[in-house]
Protein backbone atom coordinates (compact mmCIF):
# COMPACT_ATOMS: atom_id res chain seq x y z
CA MET A 1 0.00 0.00 0.00
CA ASN A 2 1.13 3.46 -0.80
CA PRO A 3 0.99 5.71 2.28
CA PHE A 4 0.56 8.73 -0.01
CA GLY A 5 -2.27 7.19 -2.06
CA ASN A 6 -5.11 9.10 -0.41
CA LEU A 7 -3.10 12.31 -0.38
CA LEU A 8 -2.31 12.07 -4.10
CA ASP A 9 -5.88 11.15 -4.99
CA SER A 10 -7.15 14.17 -3.11
CA LEU A 11 -4.85 16.42 -5.15
CA ASN A 12 -6.46 15.36 -8.44
CA TYR A 13 -8.87 18.20 -9.13
CA THR A 14 -9.71 17.00 -12.63
CA SER A 15 -12.25 14.49 -13.84
CA PHE A 16 -9.58 12.53 -15.72
CA ASP A 17 -8.31 9.22 -14.46
CA ASN A 18 -5.05 9.17 -16.41
CA LEU A 19 -2.79 11.27 -18.61
CA THR A 20 -4.03 9.70 -21.85
CA ASP A 21 -7.59 10.87 -21.23
CA PHE A 22 -6.33 14.33 -20.35
CA LEU A 23 -4.22 14.63 -23.51
CA SER A 24 -7.05 13.28 -25.65
CA ASN A 25 -9.34 15.97 -24.26
CA ILE A 26 -6.76 18.70 -24.94
CA ILE A 27 -6.29 17.50 -28.54
CA GLN A 28 -10.06 17.43 -29.06
CA PHE A 29 -10.36 20.98 -27.69
CA ALA A 30 -7.51 22.19 -29.93
CA MET A 31 -9.13 20.63 -33.00
CA THR A 32 -12.47 22.24 -32.21
CA PHE A 33 -10.81 25.62 -31.74
CA ALA A 34 -8.84 25.23 -35.01
CA VAL A 35 -11.97 24.30 -36.97
CA ILE A 36 -13.79 27.37 -35.65
CA ILE A 37 -10.83 29.59 -36.62
CA ALA A 38 -10.68 28.00 -40.10
CA VAL A 39 -14.41 28.55 -40.68
CA VAL A 40 -14.06 32.19 -39.64
CA ALA A 41 -11.08 32.54 -42.01
CA VAL A 42 -13.15 31.09 -44.87
CA LEU A 43 -15.96 33.53 -44.11
CA VAL A 44 -13.55 36.48 -44.00
CA ALA A 45 -11.98 35.42 -47.31
CA GLY A 46 -15.43 35.14 -48.87
CA PHE A 47 -16.37 38.58 -47.59
CA LYS A 48 -13.12 40.00 -48.99
CA TYR A 49 -13.90 38.38 -52.34
CA ILE A 50 -17.43 39.78 -52.43
CA THR A 51 -16.27 43.30 -51.54
CA SER A 52 -13.31 43.29 -53.92
CA ALA A 53 -15.44 45.00 -56.61
CA GLY A 54 -13.47 43.37 -59.42
CA ASP A 55 -10.08 44.74 -58.35
CA SER A 56 -7.66 42.05 -59.49
CA GLU A 57 -5.27 42.50 -56.54
CA LYS A 58 -8.08 42.20 -54.00
CA VAL A 59 -9.50 39.16 -55.80
CA LYS A 60 -6.06 37.55 -55.82
CA SER A 61 -5.57 38.31 -52.12
CA SER A 62 -8.97 36.93 -51.14
CA THR A 63 -8.49 33.80 -53.27
CA GLN A 64 -5.12 33.21 -51.65
CA SER A 65 -6.67 33.68 -48.19
CA LEU A 66 -9.39 31.18 -49.05
CA ILE A 67 -6.84 28.61 -50.25
CA PHE A 68 -4.77 29.04 -47.08
CA ALA A 69 -7.86 28.64 -44.88
CA LEU A 70 -8.94 25.48 -46.69
CA VAL A 71 -5.43 23.98 -46.57
CA GLY A 72 -5.35 24.72 -42.85
CA LEU A 73 -8.69 22.98 -42.42
CA VAL A 74 -7.40 19.91 -44.25
CA ILE A 75 -4.29 19.86 -42.06
CA VAL A 76 -6.45 20.07 -38.93
CA PHE A 77 -8.46 17.04 -40.02
CA LEU A 78 -5.37 15.07 -41.04
CA ALA A 79 -3.34 15.87 -37.92
CA PRO A 80 -4.85 13.22 -35.61
CA THR A 81 -4.31 10.54 -38.24
CA LEU A 82 -0.72 11.63 -38.74
CA ILE A 83 -0.06 11.71 -35.00
CA LYS A 84 -1.54 8.22 -34.56
CA PHE A 85 0.52 6.90 -37.48
CA ILE A 86 3.75 8.36 -36.10
CA LEU A 87 3.08 7.06 -32.60
CA ASP A 88 2.20 3.58 -33.88
CA LYS A 89 5.20 3.28 -36.18
CA PHE A 90 7.97 4.89 -34.16
CA ILE A 91 7.02 4.57 -30.50
């Protein structure tokens, strides 16, 4: 028996039983936050495109912003798969 067992259990102020659950929750929160940011970026790029009034530089800038936002969204959705692959293969 661990004499510090009750003391250490009383110091756990979270609802998580282990580190894996905690990290999984953090990753899920980060993905949710990144998706929200990407959707806002897509909306801003669309607004910039609509208000460009045919100016070729503004259209180019808004198209580039839209592409960057969509690539970021794809990376966000691929990140958990890549992390799992790397952990399975190398660790």
